[in-house]
Amino acid sequence: MNKHEESELINSVEAGEWSSVSDISSMKERLMKAASETGQKDYRINVRISKRDVEALKTKTLEEGIPYQTLVTSILHKYVTGRITEKKEETVA
């Protein structure tokens, strides 16, 4: 977390945008189960990809400090869960 993100979080807390969880034990159990299920990598796929794209991925992950396989997995997960979508091209009439 960088200084800007920390500042935003502090401002959010101080503005009262957060509330306590009524049943912390139940919430903790649900979150731990979700994390466990999300973290399981129980299926392997093979994908052919151009060398240029792999090199670009590796460059990006060096900037982020993560393995390129982790980035690819993250992008795929975000796509299938709807957190990222394809950019729609605008048509000119």
Protein backbone atom coordinates (compact mmCIF):
# COMPACT_ATOMS: atom_id res chain seq x y z
CA MET A 1 0.00 0.00 0.00
CA ASN A 2 1.44 3.36 -0.96
CA LYS A 3 1.11 6.67 0.93
CA HIS A 4 -1.76 7.86 -1.28
CA GLU A 5 -3.76 4.67 -0.65
CA GLU A 6 -3.07 4.91 3.08
CA SER A 7 -4.27 8.51 3.10
CA GLU A 8 -7.46 7.57 1.25
CA LEU A 9 -8.11 4.75 3.73
CA ILE A 10 -7.58 7.00 6.74
CA ASN A 11 -9.90 9.64 5.26
CA SER A 12 -12.53 6.98 4.56
CA VAL A 13 -12.39 5.68 8.15
CA GLU A 14 -12.49 9.18 9.62
CA ALA A 15 -15.48 10.05 7.39
CA GLY A 16 -17.44 7.18 8.97
CA GLU A 17 -17.66 5.13 5.79
CA TRP A 18 -16.88 1.91 7.68
CA SER A 19 -19.06 -0.05 10.09
CA SER A 20 -18.44 -2.90 12.48
CA VAL A 21 -19.41 -6.45 11.56
CA SER A 22 -22.13 -7.75 13.90
CA ASP A 23 -21.00 -11.41 13.87
CA ILE A 24 -17.23 -11.35 13.43
CA SER A 25 -16.83 -15.12 13.91
CA SER A 26 -19.24 -15.94 11.11
CA MET A 27 -17.70 -13.32 8.81
CA LYS A 28 -14.19 -14.59 9.53
CA GLU A 29 -15.25 -18.17 8.77
CA ARG A 30 -16.90 -17.15 5.46
CA LEU A 31 -13.89 -15.11 4.38
CA MET A 32 -11.43 -17.88 5.28
CA LYS A 33 -13.48 -20.40 3.28
CA ALA A 34 -13.64 -18.04 0.29
CA ALA A 35 -9.90 -17.37 0.46
CA SER A 36 -9.16 -21.08 0.66
CA GLU A 37 -11.36 -21.88 -2.34
CA THR A 38 -10.01 -18.95 -4.35
CA GLY A 39 -6.41 -19.86 -3.62
CA GLN A 40 -6.70 -23.45 -4.79
CA LYS A 41 -5.09 -23.96 -8.15
CA ASP A 42 -6.34 -27.41 -8.95
CA TYR A 43 -6.41 -27.31 -12.74
CA ARG A 44 -3.64 -26.88 -15.27
CA ILE A 45 -4.04 -25.50 -18.78
CA ASN A 46 -1.56 -25.08 -21.61
CA VAL A 47 -1.81 -22.03 -23.82
CA ARG A 48 0.25 -21.11 -26.85
CA ILE A 49 1.17 -17.43 -26.82
CA SER A 50 3.52 -15.33 -28.91
CA LYS A 51 7.03 -14.72 -27.66
CA ARG A 52 6.45 -10.97 -27.91
CA ASP A 53 3.40 -11.19 -25.61
CA VAL A 54 5.29 -13.32 -23.09
CA GLU A 55 8.15 -10.83 -23.04
CA ALA A 56 5.67 -7.97 -22.55
CA LEU A 57 4.05 -9.89 -19.68
CA LYS A 58 7.41 -10.51 -18.07
CA THR A 59 8.27 -6.82 -18.36
CA LYS A 60 5.00 -5.85 -16.67
CA THR A 61 5.49 -8.36 -13.89
CA LEU A 62 9.01 -7.14 -13.22
CA GLU A 63 7.48 -3.70 -12.64
CA GLU A 64 4.88 -5.24 -10.31
CA GLY A 65 7.29 -7.64 -8.60
CA ILE A 66 5.19 -10.77 -9.22
CA PRO A 67 5.67 -13.91 -11.36
CA TYR A 68 4.11 -13.65 -14.82
CA GLN A 69 2.01 -16.79 -14.25
CA THR A 70 0.46 -15.05 -11.24
CA LEU A 71 -0.45 -12.03 -13.36
CA VAL A 72 -2.02 -14.20 -16.07
CA THR A 73 -4.03 -16.14 -13.47
CA SER A 74 -5.17 -12.91 -11.84
CA ILE A 75 -6.27 -11.37 -15.14
CA LEU A 76 -8.21 -14.50 -16.12
CA HIS A 77 -9.89 -14.66 -12.70
CA LYS A 78 -10.89 -11.00 -12.86
CA TYR A 79 -12.28 -11.47 -16.37
CA VAL A 80 -14.42 -14.52 -15.58
CA THR A 81 -15.76 -12.88 -12.40
CA GLY A 82 -16.70 -9.70 -14.28
CA ARG A 83 -14.20 -7.42 -12.54
CA ILE A 84 -12.64 -6.56 -15.90
CA THR A 85 -14.44 -6.50 -19.22
CA GLU A 86 -13.66 -6.04 -22.87
CA LYS A 87 -13.52 -2.46 -24.07
CA LYS A 88 -16.40 -1.81 -26.47
CA GLU A 89 -15.35 -0.08 -29.67
CA GLU A 90 -17.37 2.98 -30.55
CA THR A 91 -18.97 2.97 -33.95
CA VAL A 92 -19.15 6.13 -35.99
CA ALA A 93 -22.43 6.66 -37.85
